[in-house]
C-alpha atoms as a PDB file:
ATOM      1  CA  MET A   1     233.166 199.154 189.967  1.00  0.00           C
ATOM      2  CA  SER A   2     232.798 201.391 193.222  1.00  0.00           C
ATOM      3  CA  ASP A   3     228.839 200.754 192.742  1.00  0.00           C
ATOM      4  CA  PHE A   4     229.555 196.872 192.727  1.00  0.00           C
ATOM      5  CA  PHE A   5     231.794 197.210 195.933  1.00  0.00           C
ATOM      6  CA  ALA A   6     228.991 199.614 197.564  1.00  0.00           C
ATOM      7  CA  GLN A   7     226.190 197.232 196.902  1.00  0.00           C
ATOM      8  CA  GLY A   8     223.631 199.880 197.121  1.00  0.00           C
ATOM      9  CA  GLY A   9     224.406 201.071 200.617  1.00  0.00           C
ATOM     10  CA  TYR A  10     224.464 197.456 201.819  1.00  0.00           C
ATOM     11  CA  ALA A  11     228.051 196.795 201.511  1.00  0.00           C
ATOM     12  CA  PHE A  12     228.754 196.084 204.928  1.00  0.00           C
ATOM     13  CA  PHE A  13     225.979 193.475 205.236  1.00  0.00           C
ATOM     14  CA  VAL A  14     226.785 191.856 201.599  1.00  0.00           C
ATOM     15  CA  TRP A  15     230.483 191.351 202.280  1.00  0.00           C
ATOM     16  CA  GLY A  16     230.135 190.624 206.016  1.00  0.00           C
ATOM     17  CA  ALA A  17     228.041 187.664 204.825  1.00  0.00           C
ATOM     18  CA  TYR A  18     230.671 186.707 202.036  1.00  0.00           C
ATOM     19  CA  GLY A  19     233.239 186.726 204.394  1.00  0.00           C
ATOM     20  CA  MET A  20     231.469 184.701 207.094  1.00  0.00           C
ATOM     21  CA  ALA A  21     230.725 182.034 205.001  1.00  0.00           C
ATOM     22  CA  ALA A  22     234.321 181.635 203.982  1.00  0.00           C
ATOM     23  CA  VAL A  23     235.611 181.880 207.560  1.00  0.00           C
ATOM     24  CA  LEU A  24     233.188 179.019 208.325  1.00  0.00           C
ATOM     25  CA  LEU A  25     233.773 176.829 205.060  1.00  0.00           C
ATOM     26  CA  VAL A  26     237.633 177.291 206.129  1.00  0.00           C
ATOM     27  CA  ILE A  27     236.639 176.254 209.820  1.00  0.00           C
ATOM     28  CA  GLU A  28     234.771 173.391 208.309  1.00  0.00           C
ATOM     29  CA  ILE A  29     237.612 172.436 206.231  1.00  0.00           C
ATOM     30  CA  LEU A  30     239.843 172.225 209.081  1.00  0.00           C
ATOM     31  CA  GLN A  31     237.682 170.220 211.611  1.00  0.00           C
ATOM     32  CA  LEU A  32     237.098 167.659 208.878  1.00  0.00           C
ATOM     33  CA  ARG A  33     240.799 167.288 208.257  1.00  0.00           C
ATOM     34  CA  ALA A  34     241.103 166.844 212.258  1.00  0.00           C
ATOM     35  CA  GLN A  35     238.628 164.154 212.265  1.00  0.00           C
ATOM     36  CA  ARG A  36     239.803 162.068 209.479  1.00  0.00           C
ATOM     37  CA  ARG A  37     243.425 162.164 211.055  1.00  0.00           C
ATOM     38  CA  THR A  38     241.802 160.932 214.424  1.00  0.00           C
ATOM     39  CA  ILE A  39     239.960 158.277 212.569  1.00  0.00           C
ATOM     40  CA  LEU A  40     242.818 156.931 210.674  1.00  0.00           C
ATOM     41  CA  ALA A  41     244.565 156.923 213.966  1.00  0.00           C
ATOM     42  CA  ARG A  42     242.421 154.749 215.666  1.00  0.00           C
ATOM     43  CA  LEU A  43     241.971 152.522 212.724  1.00  0.00           C
ATOM     44  CA  GLY A  44     245.877 151.931 212.765  1.00  0.00           C
ATOM     45  CA  ARG A  45     245.492 151.292 216.664  1.00  0.00           C
ATOM     46  CA  LEU A  46     242.797 148.901 216.292  1.00  0.00           C
ATOM     47  CA  THR A  47     244.727 146.740 212.981  1.00  0.00           C
ATOM     48  CA  ARG A  48     247.780 146.687 215.160  1.00  0.00           C
ATOM     49  CA  MET A  49     245.998 145.493 218.097  1.00  0.00           C
ATOM     50  CA  ARG A  50     243.875 142.947 216.004  1.00  0.00           C
ATOM     51  CA  ASP A  51     247.604 141.692 214.426  1.00  0.00           C
ATOM     52  CA  VAL A  52     249.157 140.919 217.714  1.00  0.00           C
END
């Protein structure tokens, strides 16, 4: 098991790459959620303006 985590001496780079990919995926999800909220708010305002 320790050989698996050591990755042949390249553990820092391998696990760092996995960590960076995970962080970027989380950032992407958070950004998409924020954009969705903004779009829904704009659509709500447009709908209210059209109904007036």
